[in-house]
């Protein structure tokens, strides 16, 4: 039974990761789809300047545990990357 639970959990994690990888940037920047690693990767891979990347990443990291702050930080990322939605 424990093996089945571990296997099921691993399968769910794999499916979630695959789903996140298939999301558009606009979808990744919705609070309900939030993945710290994916959003940070999106910012880091952008063509923004180093200072702006640092400010956005810091805002996201500090806001990750607060839904209100997270929404505002994600909006900042959307605006900086010129992403609608």
Protein backbone atom coordinates (compact mmCIF):
# COMPACT_ATOMS: atom_id res chain seq x y z
CA UNK A 1 0.00 0.00 0.00
CA UNK A 2 2.75 2.48 0.85
CA UNK A 3 4.39 1.75 -2.49
CA UNK A 4 1.11 2.45 -4.30
CA UNK A 5 0.70 5.78 -2.45
CA UNK A 6 4.25 6.83 -3.30
CA UNK A 7 3.76 5.80 -6.92
CA UNK A 8 0.47 7.71 -7.14
CA UNK A 9 2.04 10.82 -5.59
CA UNK A 10 4.95 10.65 -8.02
CA UNK A 11 2.56 10.28 -10.94
CA UNK A 12 0.55 13.30 -9.80
CA UNK A 13 3.72 15.38 -9.42
CA UNK A 14 4.89 14.37 -12.89
CA UNK A 15 1.51 15.25 -14.40
CA UNK A 16 1.49 18.64 -12.62
CA UNK A 17 4.99 19.41 -13.89
CA UNK A 18 4.04 18.45 -17.44
CA UNK A 19 0.93 20.59 -17.20
CA UNK A 20 2.95 23.59 -15.96
CA UNK A 21 5.44 23.11 -18.79
CA UNK A 22 2.60 23.29 -21.33
CA UNK A 23 1.07 26.49 -19.90
CA UNK A 24 1.37 29.79 -21.69
CA UNK A 25 3.15 32.63 -19.86
CA UNK A 26 -0.24 34.30 -19.27
CA UNK A 27 -1.54 31.12 -17.61
CA UNK A 28 1.60 30.74 -15.50
CA UNK A 29 1.04 34.25 -14.16
CA UNK A 30 -2.40 33.44 -12.75
CA UNK A 31 -2.44 32.91 -8.97
CA UNK A 32 -4.29 29.60 -9.30
CA UNK A 33 -1.49 28.23 -11.51
CA UNK A 34 1.37 29.74 -9.51
CA UNK A 35 4.64 27.83 -9.49
CA UNK A 36 7.52 29.77 -7.97
CA UNK A 37 10.11 27.95 -10.06
CA UNK A 38 8.22 28.44 -13.33
CA UNK A 39 7.57 32.14 -12.76
CA UNK A 40 11.18 32.77 -11.75
CA UNK A 41 12.30 30.85 -14.84
CA UNK A 42 9.98 32.98 -16.99
CA UNK A 43 11.43 36.21 -15.57
CA UNK A 44 15.02 34.99 -15.80
CA UNK A 45 14.56 33.91 -19.42
CA UNK A 46 13.13 37.25 -20.45
CA UNK A 47 15.03 40.06 -22.15
CA UNK A 48 14.51 42.44 -19.21
CA UNK A 49 17.49 44.16 -17.66
CA UNK A 50 19.31 42.57 -14.73
CA UNK A 51 17.99 45.13 -12.23
CA UNK A 52 14.36 44.67 -13.31
CA UNK A 53 14.70 40.88 -13.24
CA UNK A 54 16.11 41.07 -9.72
CA UNK A 55 13.30 43.36 -8.51
CA UNK A 56 10.60 41.15 -10.01
CA UNK A 57 12.10 37.92 -8.69
CA UNK A 58 12.47 39.42 -5.22
CA UNK A 59 8.85 40.62 -5.27
CA UNK A 60 7.61 37.16 -6.31
CA UNK A 61 9.70 35.36 -3.69
CA UNK A 62 8.50 37.67 -0.90
CA UNK A 63 4.85 37.46 -2.01
CA UNK A 64 4.63 33.70 -2.56
CA UNK A 65 2.85 33.04 0.76
CA UNK A 66 0.37 35.92 0.60
CA UNK A 67 -2.43 35.69 -1.97
CA UNK A 68 -2.96 39.47 -2.06
CA UNK A 69 0.73 40.27 -2.44
CA UNK A 70 1.19 37.45 -4.94
CA UNK A 71 -1.55 38.81 -7.18
CA UNK A 72 0.12 42.24 -7.21
CA UNK A 73 3.57 40.75 -7.88
CA UNK A 74 2.24 38.62 -10.74
CA UNK A 75 0.59 41.72 -12.22
CA UNK A 76 3.98 43.48 -12.09
CA UNK A 77 5.55 40.59 -13.98
CA UNK A 78 2.76 40.65 -16.58
CA UNK A 79 3.22 44.38 -17.10
CA UNK A 80 7.01 44.13 -17.35
CA UNK A 81 6.80 41.28 -19.85
CA UNK A 82 3.87 42.88 -21.70
CA UNK A 83 1.68 39.81 -21.22
CA UNK A 84 -2.07 40.21 -21.42
CA UNK A 85 -4.65 38.19 -19.52
